[in-house]
Amino acid sequence: MPMPGHRPSPTHPSPGGDRRQHVVRRGRDRRARILHGPAGLPRVRGEAPRVAVIGGGIAGLAAATALAERGVKVTLYERENQLGGRLAGWPVGLADGSTATMSRGFHAFFRQYYNLRGLLRRADPGLRMLTPLPDYPLQHSGGLRDSFARVPRTPPWSALGFVAQSPTFGLRDLARMNARAALPLLDIRVPDVYEQLDGISARELLDRIRFPQAAHHLAFEVFSRSFFADPHDLSAAELALMFHIYFLGSSEGLLFDVPDEPFPAALWEPLADYLAGHGADLRTGEGVESIQPDRRGGSHVVTRHAESHHDAVVLALDTRGLRHLVDRSPQLADQDWRDKVRQLRTAPAFLVSRLWLDRPVAADRPGFLGTSGYGSLDNVSVLERWEGEAARWSARSGGSVVELHAYATDPHARRPAQQEGLLAQLHRVYPETREAKVLDACHAWNADCPLFPVGGYADRPGVRTPDPSLTLAGDLVRTDLPVALMERAATTGFLAANALLAQWGLRGQTLWTVPDKGRMSLLRGLNRMFG
């Protein structure tokens, strides 16, 4: 059931982003910003251009969708055997003989993820595969606990309501805060925020504002670690942008939805069917070895077993994959662009541990809990609270399926010890699990999320490249729009497609974002006066 007061997320106009459609169903935020795609024909007439989309994650799927809907001949290459990129899933065998789906873990589908949700609507117009969670609770080992269930969603009442309800903000704490240093958070402008704050770390910004230490740990550190980075290593501009997207810049709030089945069944298999219906050729298990630009136009895409010519290429890879492919493609774009790609960094490794327990956790445990002060443990999910596959296993076995996340892990610590450490912290968070037997366990270690370091924005490559037939997409890509994480991936995927569609006189995809500046004129004026 939808949450009270929750309105459907935006739908895109008919494929192609028809400019004549001025009223489009969207989220509850009436100030959400609409970005029309390029004007042009709704579909190809005559011989269709051929485009290679390299990478089958969110960004690649978004690009492939926008192109295929216009009649472009799309070939999507994905090295892994599954679509979804960092939201892929794969089968694992359990001790009881059944098969479960392992993935890289819980992801929150926030309601301001307009373009991601628009992509998913292609296969499920009603987004029936998403189910709302009733709260976004945060818990500190010292006993403090925050909740967003009753926090108003419309700024400035969202911030005021959070401060009033949070145990981390006392009157003495509020008096100590540096209001002048906090003003930039109240007047975020994109891309100006990068000029203001990209030169300092998220930790330094919080220290300047003098947020209470409890709020440091319980709220802002949880948010910054959502970028899989320690706050000392994360650009303050990214933290400020996140604060704007999820809190002061949008009235969608901080509650979110989650898929009601594992990612492949809920998201990617239906979208693959949709793409195939539009003539896209989806080649999973087939990685691209190199790209060789053709002097006559376009590029030759070389895989392990074949070579094919395409009029254009969309690169939608993670940081390591992009750097590797560019290194193996020495004629691609120009040297300055290639140097920018080589400078991209990857965040530290993160761990997802999924445990199948022989008994249930307490009935009042939330589906998702953000944590702080519990060693490396960043959050706990109880999957049977929302995921059908886990709920069916739980009903059969009488147990629980629990997932533990640790971001920005210690590179010097032994991995088995870190896995054991997460289990020990689970016992602290949910003491009833101390007596539970772990029937099965899967541990997924990955180090492929982009890092947004201090001072890194200026040289980060954008969607367009020096070669007009080559575009770039993904959450690692620079964009001057207020988007982050999965929404940045979807948005840049559509933007990469739009850049190509415009060259061929084809209509582009209409996009939505949260407002690109602070919502309150009084606070904006104070920031200009004292900032």
Protein backbone atom coordinates (compact mmCIF):
# COMPACT_ATOMS: atom_id res chain seq x y z
CA MET A 1 0.00 0.00 0.00
CA PRO A 2 1.29 3.49 -0.72
CA MET A 3 2.24 5.71 2.17
CA PRO A 4 -0.42 8.21 3.27
CA GLY A 5 -0.07 11.38 1.27
CA HIS A 6 2.34 9.78 -1.23
CA ARG A 7 1.62 10.60 -4.81
CA PRO A 8 2.95 8.65 -7.76
CA SER A 9 6.40 9.45 -9.03
CA PRO A 10 6.77 11.19 -12.36
CA THR A 11 6.13 9.47 -15.62
CA HIS A 12 7.92 10.57 -18.71
CA PRO A 13 5.99 11.88 -21.67
CA SER A 14 5.46 9.52 -24.54
CA PRO A 15 8.82 8.16 -25.71
CA GLY A 16 10.68 11.10 -27.13
CA GLY A 17 9.66 13.65 -24.53
CA ASP A 18 6.89 15.45 -26.46
CA ARG A 19 7.20 19.19 -25.80
CA ARG A 20 3.46 19.60 -26.25
CA GLN A 21 2.87 17.72 -23.00
CA HIS A 22 3.23 20.43 -20.38
CA VAL A 23 1.33 18.64 -17.62
CA VAL A 24 3.13 15.47 -16.65
CA ARG A 25 2.41 13.33 -13.64
CA ARG A 26 5.30 13.60 -11.18
CA GLY A 27 5.99 13.41 -7.45
CA ARG A 28 4.45 15.59 -4.77
CA ASP A 29 7.00 18.40 -5.25
CA ARG A 30 5.36 21.08 -7.40
CA ARG A 31 8.71 22.83 -7.77
CA ALA A 32 10.40 19.88 -9.44
CA ARG A 33 12.30 21.07 -12.49
CA ILE A 34 11.51 19.88 -16.01
CA LEU A 35 14.27 19.62 -18.62
CA HIS A 36 12.98 19.13 -22.14
CA GLY A 37 15.05 16.98 -24.43
CA PRO A 38 16.08 18.16 -27.90
CA ALA A 39 13.29 18.64 -30.42
CA GLY A 40 13.04 16.47 -33.49
CA LEU A 41 11.31 13.54 -35.12
CA PRO A 42 9.74 10.94 -32.81
CA ARG A 43 11.40 8.06 -34.67
CA VAL A 44 14.06 7.34 -37.26
CA ARG A 45 13.06 7.69 -40.89
CA GLY A 46 15.13 5.75 -43.34
CA GLU A 47 18.26 3.85 -42.35
CA ALA A 48 18.67 3.77 -38.59
CA PRO A 49 21.93 4.72 -36.90
CA ARG A 50 23.75 1.92 -35.09
CA VAL A 51 24.86 2.56 -31.50
CA ALA A 52 26.91 0.39 -29.14
CA VAL A 53 26.07 0.88 -25.48
CA ILE A 54 28.88 -0.57 -23.39
CA GLY A 55 27.74 -1.45 -19.88
CA GLY A 56 24.45 -2.93 -18.73
CA GLY A 57 23.93 -1.07 -15.47
CA ILE A 58 21.40 1.67 -14.84
CA ALA A 59 23.18 4.23 -17.03
CA GLY A 60 23.59 1.87 -19.98
CA LEU A 61 20.01 0.65 -19.75
CA ALA A 62 18.71 4.24 -19.65
CA ALA A 63 20.75 5.19 -22.72
CA ALA A 64 19.71 2.04 -24.57
CA THR A 65 16.05 2.66 -23.75
CA ALA A 66 15.96 6.25 -25.02
CA LEU A 67 17.78 5.26 -28.22
CA ALA A 68 15.81 2.10 -28.98
CA GLU A 69 12.49 3.87 -28.47
CA ARG A 70 13.42 6.24 -31.31
CA GLY A 71 14.20 3.39 -33.67
CA VAL A 72 17.98 3.48 -33.29
CA LYS A 73 19.64 0.07 -33.68
CA VAL A 74 21.10 -0.57 -30.24
CA THR A 75 23.59 -3.27 -29.29
CA LEU A 76 24.21 -3.38 -25.55
CA TYR A 77 27.37 -5.14 -24.34
CA GLU A 78 27.64 -6.32 -20.74
CA ARG A 79 30.69 -8.26 -19.58
CA GLU A 80 28.82 -10.01 -16.77
CA ASN A 81 26.11 -12.59 -17.37
CA GLN A 82 23.47 -10.40 -15.74
CA LEU A 83 22.12 -6.92 -16.37
CA GLY A 84 21.93 -4.36 -13.60
CA GLY A 85 25.56 -3.41 -12.99
CA ARG A 86 25.93 -2.74 -9.27
CA LEU A 87 22.28 -3.74 -8.87
CA ALA A 88 22.70 -7.13 -10.52
CA GLY A 89 21.72 -10.39 -8.86
CA TRP A 90 22.90 -13.96 -9.26
CA PRO A 91 21.73 -17.37 -8.02
CA VAL A 92 23.28 -19.13 -5.03
CA GLY A 93 22.52 -22.58 -3.68
CA LEU A 94 21.44 -22.92 -0.04
CA ALA A 95 22.03 -25.81 2.35
CA ASP A 96 18.36 -26.83 2.22
CA GLY A 97 18.63 -27.43 -1.53
CA SER A 98 16.79 -24.28 -2.55
CA THR A 99 18.15 -21.45 -4.67
CA ALA A 100 18.28 -17.83 -3.58
CA THR A 101 19.33 -14.61 -5.30
CA MET A 102 22.44 -12.89 -3.99
CA SER A 103 23.15 -9.27 -4.86
CA ARG A 104 25.28 -6.36 -3.78
CA GLY A 105 22.67 -5.40 -1.32
CA PHE A 106 19.96 -3.03 -0.27
CA HIS A 107 19.34 0.12 -2.31
CA ALA A 108 16.81 2.83 -1.46
CA PHE A 109 14.65 4.08 -4.33
CA PHE A 110 13.94 7.59 -3.11
CA ARG A 111 10.92 9.39 -4.50
CA GLN A 112 13.03 12.21 -5.94
CA TYR A 113 14.70 9.68 -8.25
CA TYR A 114 12.45 10.91 -11.03
CA ASN A 115 14.46 9.69 -14.00
CA LEU A 116 15.32 6.28 -12.56
CA ARG A 117 11.68 5.71 -11.74
CA GLY A 118 10.75 6.90 -15.22
CA LEU A 119 13.07 4.25 -16.65
CA LEU A 120 11.48 1.54 -14.53
CA ARG A 121 8.00 2.64 -15.59
CA ARG A 122 8.80 1.47 -19.11
CA ALA A 123 8.30 -2.11 -17.93
CA ASP A 124 5.90 -1.42 -15.04
CA PRO A 125 3.91 1.82 -15.54
CA GLY A 126 2.42 1.65 -12.04
CA LEU A 127 5.75 0.83 -10.34
CA ARG A 128 4.02 -2.07 -8.66
CA MET A 129 7.41 -3.71 -8.16
CA LEU A 130 8.28 -1.04 -5.56
CA THR A 131 6.95 -1.14 -2.03
CA PRO A 132 7.29 1.68 0.52
CA LEU A 133 9.12 1.26 3.80
CA PRO A 134 7.43 3.15 6.64
CA ASP A 135 10.57 4.76 8.10
CA TYR A 136 14.25 5.52 7.65
CA PRO A 137 15.48 4.87 11.21
CA LEU A 138 19.05 5.61 12.34
CA GLN A 139 20.55 4.15 15.52
CA HIS A 140 23.75 5.00 17.39
CA SER A 141 25.46 2.56 19.72
CA GLY A 142 25.20 5.13 22.51
CA GLY A 143 21.43 4.74 22.52
CA LEU A 144 20.36 7.70 20.36
CA ARG A 145 17.88 6.98 17.61
CA ASP A 146 16.47 9.13 14.81
CA SER A 147 13.41 8.60 12.66
CA PHE A 148 12.04 10.30 9.57
CA ALA A 149 8.55 8.78 9.71
CA ARG A 150 6.99 11.87 11.27
CA VAL A 151 9.28 14.53 9.85
CA PRO A 152 7.44 16.90 7.47
CA ARG A 153 8.53 16.57 3.88
CA THR A 154 8.23 20.19 2.72
CA PRO A 155 11.17 22.55 3.39
CA PRO A 156 11.84 24.39 5.66
CA TRP A 157 9.53 22.39 7.92
CA SER A 158 11.49 19.24 7.09
CA ALA A 159 14.67 20.63 8.65
CA LEU A 160 12.86 22.28 11.56
CA GLY A 161 10.88 19.13 12.24
CA PHE A 162 13.98 16.95 12.16
CA VAL A 163 15.85 19.22 14.59
CA ALA A 164 12.83 19.40 16.90
CA GLN A 165 12.38 15.63 17.00
CA SER A 166 16.01 14.50 16.91
CA PRO A 167 17.70 13.64 20.22
CA THR A 168 21.01 14.81 18.71
CA PHE A 169 20.07 18.51 18.79
CA GLY A 170 19.75 20.06 22.25
CA LEU A 171 19.34 23.76 22.97
CA ARG A 172 22.96 24.01 24.05
CA ASP A 173 24.05 22.27 20.85
CA LEU A 174 22.03 24.66 18.72
CA ALA A 175 23.56 27.66 20.49
CA ARG A 176 27.08 26.39 19.69
CA MET A 177 26.47 25.97 15.97
CA ASN A 178 28.07 28.37 13.51
CA ALA A 179 25.01 29.64 11.66
CA ARG A 180 27.10 31.60 9.17
CA ALA A 181 29.06 28.51 8.15
CA ALA A 182 25.77 26.62 7.73
CA LEU A 183 24.24 29.18 5.34
CA PRO A 184 25.64 27.54 2.17
CA LEU A 185 23.61 24.41 2.99
CA LEU A 186 20.47 26.55 2.85
CA ASP A 187 21.27 28.10 -0.54
CA ILE A 188 22.57 25.26 -2.69
CA ARG A 189 22.95 26.20 -6.33
CA VAL A 190 24.15 23.73 -8.93
CA PRO A 191 26.86 23.85 -10.19
CA ASP A 192 27.95 26.81 -8.00
CA VAL A 193 28.14 24.54 -4.95
CA TYR A 194 31.25 22.94 -6.43
CA GLU A 195 33.02 26.30 -6.69
CA GLN A 196 32.15 26.99 -3.05
CA LEU A 197 32.77 23.67 -1.37
CA ASP A 198 34.67 21.22 -3.58
CA GLY A 199 37.95 22.36 -2.05
CA ILE A 200 37.19 21.02 1.44
CA SER A 201 36.13 17.65 2.83
CA ALA A 202 32.73 16.75 4.18
CA ARG A 203 34.31 16.35 7.62
CA GLU A 204 35.81 19.85 7.50
CA LEU A 205 32.45 21.37 6.54
CA LEU A 206 30.69 19.69 9.46
CA ASP A 207 33.46 20.82 11.80
CA ARG A 208 33.11 24.40 10.59
CA ILE A 209 29.37 24.38 11.23
CA ARG A 210 29.95 22.77 14.63
CA PHE A 211 27.15 20.27 14.30
CA PRO A 212 26.71 18.26 17.50
CA GLN A 213 28.95 15.20 17.52
CA ALA A 214 25.93 12.95 17.86
CA ALA A 215 24.43 14.49 14.72
CA HIS A 216 27.81 14.04 12.99
CA HIS A 217 27.65 10.32 13.57
CA LEU A 218 23.95 9.62 13.40
CA ALA A 219 22.88 11.66 10.42
CA PHE A 220 25.57 13.29 8.30
CA GLU A 221 28.13 10.47 8.51
CA VAL A 222 25.44 7.99 7.51
CA PHE A 223 24.63 10.14 4.49
CA SER A 224 28.25 10.71 3.47
CA ARG A 225 29.03 7.01 3.73
CA SER A 226 26.20 6.41 1.27
CA PHE A 227 28.87 7.48 -1.24
CA PHE A 228 30.94 4.53 0.06
CA ALA A 229 33.58 6.95 1.33
CA ASP A 230 34.88 8.19 4.64
CA PRO A 231 33.79 11.81 5.31
CA HIS A 232 37.48 12.84 5.41
CA ASP A 233 37.85 11.75 1.77
CA LEU A 234 34.54 13.02 0.37
CA SER A 235 34.12 16.45 -1.20
CA ALA A 236 31.99 18.76 0.94
CA ALA A 237 30.18 19.80 -2.25
CA GLU A 238 28.82 16.26 -2.65
CA LEU A 239 27.59 16.17 0.94
CA ALA A 240 25.97 19.59 0.54
CA LEU A 241 24.33 18.50 -2.71
CA MET A 242 23.02 15.39 -0.99
CA PHE A 243 21.59 17.54 1.79
CA HIS A 244 19.81 19.59 -0.87
CA ILE A 245 18.50 16.66 -2.90
CA TYR A 246 17.10 14.69 -0.01
CA PHE A 247 16.27 17.31 2.55
CA LEU A 248 16.13 21.08 2.02
CA GLY A 249 15.78 21.19 -1.77
CA SER A 250 12.97 18.70 -2.26
CA SER A 251 9.59 18.08 -0.69
CA GLU A 252 9.64 14.37 -1.56
CA GLY A 253 11.15 13.63 1.85
CA LEU A 254 13.55 10.97 3.05
CA LEU A 255 11.24 7.99 2.92
CA PHE A 256 11.80 5.56 0.08
CA ASP A 257 10.65 2.43 -1.71
CA VAL A 258 12.36 -0.91 -2.29
CA PRO A 259 11.81 -3.67 -4.89
CA ASP A 260 9.45 -6.38 -3.67
CA GLU A 261 11.52 -9.14 -5.32
CA PRO A 262 15.26 -9.52 -6.06
CA PHE A 263 16.63 -7.04 -8.59
CA PRO A 264 16.65 -9.37 -11.64
CA ALA A 265 13.01 -10.42 -11.32
CA ALA A 266 11.65 -7.06 -10.19
CA LEU A 267 13.64 -4.71 -12.42
CA TRP A 268 15.98 -6.00 -15.09
CA GLU A 269 14.23 -8.97 -16.64
CA PRO A 270 11.07 -6.93 -17.38
CA LEU A 271 13.17 -4.04 -18.72
CA ALA A 272 15.18 -6.45 -20.89
CA ASP A 273 11.92 -7.71 -22.40
CA TYR A 274 10.87 -4.12 -23.05
CA LEU A 275 14.16 -3.34 -24.79
CA ALA A 276 14.04 -6.51 -26.85
CA GLY A 277 10.56 -5.48 -27.95
CA HIS A 278 12.09 -2.29 -29.32
CA GLY A 279 14.69 -4.22 -31.29
CA ALA A 280 17.66 -3.84 -28.93
CA ASP A 281 20.29 -6.58 -29.05
CA LEU A 282 21.32 -7.36 -25.46
CA ARG A 283 24.61 -9.24 -25.28
CA THR A 284 25.31 -10.28 -21.72
CA GLY A 285 28.49 -12.19 -21.01
CA GLU A 286 30.22 -10.30 -23.82
CA GLY A 287 32.74 -7.65 -22.79
CA VAL A 288 34.30 -5.08 -25.09
CA GLU A 289 38.08 -5.31 -25.45
CA SER A 290 38.73 -2.07 -27.31
CA ILE A 291 37.20 0.68 -29.43
CA GLN A 292 38.87 1.75 -32.64
CA PRO A 293 37.62 5.03 -34.16
CA ASP A 294 37.02 4.90 -37.92
CA ARG A 295 38.32 7.81 -40.03
CA ARG A 296 35.15 7.62 -42.12
CA GLY A 297 33.01 8.04 -39.01
CA GLY A 298 31.86 5.94 -36.10
CA SER A 299 33.92 3.28 -34.37
CA HIS A 300 34.79 -0.39 -34.51
CA VAL A 301 33.83 -2.18 -31.30
CA VAL A 302 36.07 -5.15 -30.66
CA THR A 303 35.01 -8.03 -28.43
CA ARG A 304 36.79 -11.28 -27.76
CA HIS A 305 35.15 -13.00 -30.69
CA ALA A 306 34.06 -10.31 -33.15
CA GLU A 307 34.38 -6.76 -34.42
CA SER A 308 31.48 -4.59 -35.54
CA HIS A 309 31.05 -1.03 -36.78
CA HIS A 310 28.76 1.43 -35.01
CA ASP A 311 27.89 5.02 -35.82
CA ALA A 312 28.20 6.00 -32.16
CA VAL A 313 29.19 4.59 -28.77
CA VAL A 314 27.90 5.19 -25.24
CA LEU A 315 30.37 4.26 -22.51
CA ALA A 316 28.44 3.32 -19.37
CA LEU A 317 31.09 1.55 -17.31
CA ASP A 318 32.30 1.74 -13.73
CA THR A 319 35.55 3.57 -12.99
CA ARG A 320 37.87 0.59 -13.34
CA GLY A 321 36.13 -0.70 -16.46
CA LEU A 322 36.23 2.72 -18.11
CA ARG A 323 39.89 3.26 -17.36
CA HIS A 324 40.76 -0.22 -18.63
CA LEU A 325 38.85 0.22 -21.89
CA VAL A 326 40.31 3.67 -22.53
CA ASP A 327 43.83 2.32 -21.93
CA ARG A 328 43.20 -0.39 -24.52
CA SER A 329 41.75 2.13 -27.00
CA PRO A 330 44.63 4.58 -27.57
CA GLN A 331 42.91 6.50 -30.40
CA LEU A 332 39.76 7.28 -28.42
CA ALA A 333 38.85 10.99 -28.09
CA ASP A 334 41.90 13.13 -27.25
CA GLN A 335 44.75 13.08 -24.73
CA ASP A 336 43.23 15.64 -22.35
CA TRP A 337 40.04 13.63 -22.04
CA ARG A 338 41.96 10.40 -21.63
CA ASP A 339 44.02 11.96 -18.83
CA LYS A 340 40.82 12.97 -17.02
CA VAL A 341 39.56 9.40 -17.24
CA ARG A 342 42.83 8.09 -15.82
CA GLN A 343 42.51 10.45 -12.84
CA LEU A 344 39.18 8.96 -11.77
CA ARG A 345 39.37 7.14 -8.45
CA THR A 346 37.44 4.31 -6.88
CA ALA A 347 36.06 4.36 -3.35
CA PRO A 348 37.38 1.79 -0.84
CA ALA A 349 36.03 -1.73 -0.83
CA PHE A 350 32.65 -2.39 0.75
CA LEU A 351 31.20 -5.59 2.12
CA VAL A 352 27.70 -7.01 1.85
CA SER A 353 27.05 -10.04 4.07
CA ARG A 354 23.77 -11.89 3.71
CA LEU A 355 22.90 -14.38 6.42
CA TRP A 356 20.15 -16.97 6.50
CA LEU A 357 19.34 -17.49 10.20
CA ASP A 358 17.52 -20.45 11.73
CA ARG A 359 15.14 -18.24 13.73
CA PRO A 360 13.43 -14.90 13.17
CA VAL A 361 14.60 -11.57 14.43
CA ALA A 362 12.15 -9.76 16.72
CA ALA A 363 8.88 -8.91 15.02
CA ASP A 364 9.27 -5.17 15.63
CA ARG A 365 12.60 -4.89 13.84
CA PRO A 366 12.43 -2.49 10.86
CA GLY A 367 13.10 -3.61 7.32
CA PHE A 368 16.08 -1.25 7.21
CA LEU A 369 18.16 0.37 9.94
CA GLY A 370 21.07 2.78 9.46
CA THR A 371 23.70 2.38 12.18
CA SER A 372 26.62 4.33 13.62
CA GLY A 373 29.08 3.49 16.35
CA TYR A 374 28.90 -0.26 15.70
CA GLY A 375 32.39 -0.75 14.30
CA SER A 376 32.30 -1.02 10.54
CA LEU A 377 28.58 -1.87 10.39
CA ASP A 378 26.67 0.79 8.42
CA ASN A 379 23.20 -0.72 8.16
CA VAL A 380 21.09 -3.80 8.74
CA SER A 381 18.24 -5.06 6.56
CA VAL A 382 15.70 -7.75 7.39
CA LEU A 383 14.82 -8.84 3.89
CA GLU A 384 11.65 -10.79 4.56
CA ARG A 385 10.03 -7.53 5.64
CA TRP A 386 9.68 -6.55 1.98
CA GLU A 387 11.29 -9.02 -0.45
CA GLY A 388 9.09 -11.85 -1.66
CA GLU A 389 11.87 -14.40 -2.15
CA ALA A 390 13.19 -13.88 1.38
CA ALA A 391 9.66 -13.90 2.82
CA ARG A 392 8.93 -17.26 1.18
CA TRP A 393 12.15 -18.74 2.57
CA SER A 394 11.33 -17.35 5.99
CA ALA A 395 7.84 -18.86 5.89
CA ARG A 396 9.28 -22.28 4.99
CA SER A 397 12.11 -22.29 7.48
CA GLY A 398 10.89 -20.14 10.34
CA GLY A 399 14.10 -18.09 10.08
CA SER A 400 15.19 -14.65 8.89
CA VAL A 401 17.29 -13.35 6.01
CA VAL A 402 19.48 -10.54 7.33
CA GLU A 403 21.83 -8.35 5.32
CA LEU A 404 24.73 -6.34 6.74
CA HIS A 405 26.66 -3.56 4.98
CA ALA A 406 30.10 -2.11 5.71
CA TYR A 407 31.29 0.80 3.56
CA ALA A 408 34.82 2.16 3.19
CA THR A 409 36.34 -0.87 4.88
CA ASP A 410 39.87 -0.99 6.27
CA PRO A 411 42.13 -2.12 3.39
CA HIS A 412 44.65 -3.60 5.84
CA ALA A 413 42.22 -5.76 7.82
CA ARG A 414 41.69 -9.42 6.95
CA ARG A 415 38.41 -9.98 5.17
CA PRO A 416 37.31 -13.02 7.22
CA ALA A 417 37.86 -10.97 10.36
CA GLN A 418 35.75 -8.12 8.98
CA GLN A 419 32.97 -10.55 8.10
CA GLU A 420 33.04 -11.97 11.61
CA GLY A 421 33.08 -8.44 12.99
CA LEU A 422 29.85 -7.58 11.18
CA LEU A 423 28.14 -10.61 12.71
CA ALA A 424 29.34 -9.56 16.18
CA GLN A 425 27.92 -6.08 15.63
CA LEU A 426 24.60 -7.57 14.50
CA HIS A 427 24.45 -9.30 17.87
CA ARG A 428 24.83 -5.91 19.53
CA VAL A 429 22.18 -4.23 17.39
CA TYR A 430 19.67 -7.11 17.56
CA PRO A 431 20.60 -9.15 20.67
CA GLU A 432 18.11 -11.93 19.87
CA THR A 433 20.38 -13.00 16.98
CA ARG A 434 23.09 -14.14 19.43
CA GLU A 435 21.31 -17.47 19.79
CA ALA A 436 20.62 -17.86 16.07
CA LYS A 437 22.49 -20.36 13.95
CA VAL A 438 23.73 -19.14 10.57
CA LEU A 439 22.43 -21.73 8.12
CA ASP A 440 23.95 -20.06 5.06
CA ALA A 441 26.11 -17.00 4.46
CA CYS A 442 27.19 -15.13 1.34
CA HIS A 443 29.74 -12.33 1.41
CA ALA A 444 30.17 -9.95 -1.53
CA TRP A 445 33.27 -7.73 -1.59
CA ASN A 446 33.47 -4.99 -4.21
CA ALA A 447 35.56 -1.89 -4.82
CA ASP A 448 34.04 -0.31 -7.91
CA CYS A 449 32.05 2.70 -6.69
CA PRO A 450 33.30 6.12 -7.80
CA LEU A 451 35.06 8.32 -5.29
CA PHE A 452 34.25 12.04 -5.27
CA PRO A 453 37.42 13.39 -3.64
CA VAL A 454 38.15 16.91 -2.49
CA GLY A 455 38.91 19.06 -5.53
CA GLY A 456 37.96 16.40 -8.06
CA TYR A 457 34.98 18.04 -9.73
CA ALA A 458 36.80 20.34 -12.18
CA ASP A 459 38.58 17.51 -14.01
CA ARG A 460 35.79 14.95 -13.87
CA PRO A 461 34.69 14.04 -17.42
CA GLY A 462 31.14 14.92 -18.45
CA VAL A 463 28.57 13.31 -20.72
CA ARG A 464 29.98 14.84 -23.89
CA THR A 465 33.47 14.02 -25.11
CA PRO A 466 35.74 15.60 -27.76
CA ASP A 467 34.34 13.04 -30.20
CA PRO A 468 30.65 13.81 -30.92
CA SER A 469 30.00 10.15 -31.68
CA LEU A 470 31.18 9.13 -28.20
CA THR A 471 29.27 9.90 -24.99
CA LEU A 472 29.77 8.95 -21.37
CA ALA A 473 27.21 7.89 -18.76
CA GLY A 474 27.20 6.67 -15.16
CA ASP A 475 27.22 7.85 -11.58
CA LEU A 476 30.92 8.72 -12.00
CA VAL A 477 30.11 11.36 -14.65
CA ARG A 478 30.16 15.10 -14.01
CA THR A 479 26.83 16.81 -14.49
CA ASP A 480 25.59 20.26 -13.55
CA LEU A 481 22.26 18.88 -12.36
CA PRO A 482 21.20 18.13 -8.75
CA VAL A 483 21.34 14.33 -9.00
CA ALA A 484 23.35 11.67 -7.18
CA LEU A 485 23.93 7.92 -6.92
CA MET A 486 21.41 5.81 -8.89
CA GLU A 487 19.60 8.91 -10.12
CA ARG A 488 22.83 10.34 -11.50
CA ALA A 489 23.37 7.08 -13.37
CA ALA A 490 19.90 7.14 -14.93
CA THR A 491 20.02 10.86 -15.71
CA THR A 492 23.42 10.74 -17.41
CA GLY A 493 22.31 7.69 -19.38
CA PHE A 494 19.40 9.66 -20.81
CA LEU A 495 21.64 12.71 -21.37
CA ALA A 496 24.16 10.58 -23.27
CA ALA A 497 21.36 9.33 -25.52
CA ASN A 498 19.99 12.86 -25.97
CA ALA A 499 23.38 14.14 -27.16
CA LEU A 500 23.34 11.53 -29.95
CA LEU A 501 19.65 11.88 -30.79
CA ALA A 502 20.08 15.63 -31.30
CA GLN A 503 22.73 14.98 -33.97
CA TRP A 504 20.29 12.82 -35.91
CA GLY A 505 17.33 15.20 -35.62
CA LEU A 506 15.48 12.89 -33.24
CA ARG A 507 13.45 13.94 -30.24
CA GLY A 508 15.16 13.55 -26.91
CA GLN A 509 14.04 12.34 -23.50
CA THR A 510 12.40 14.78 -21.11
CA LEU A 511 14.02 14.76 -17.67
CA TRP A 512 13.11 15.95 -14.19
CA THR A 513 15.21 17.02 -11.22
CA VAL A 514 14.69 18.53 -7.81
CA PRO A 515 15.04 22.36 -7.90
CA ASP A 516 18.56 23.48 -8.76
CA LYS A 517 18.72 26.13 -6.04
CA GLY A 518 17.55 26.71 -2.48
CA ARG A 519 13.81 27.05 -2.07
CA MET A 520 13.65 29.90 0.46
CA SER A 521 14.35 33.43 -0.76
CA LEU A 522 15.00 34.76 2.76
CA LEU A 523 17.71 32.18 3.41
CA ARG A 524 19.21 32.74 -0.03
CA GLY A 525 19.39 36.44 0.75
CA LEU A 526 21.08 35.82 4.09
CA ASN A 527 23.65 33.61 2.41
CA ARG A 528 24.44 36.27 -0.19
CA MET A 529 24.69 38.89 2.56
CA PHE A 530 26.86 36.98 5.02
CA GLY A 531 28.31 34.11 3.00
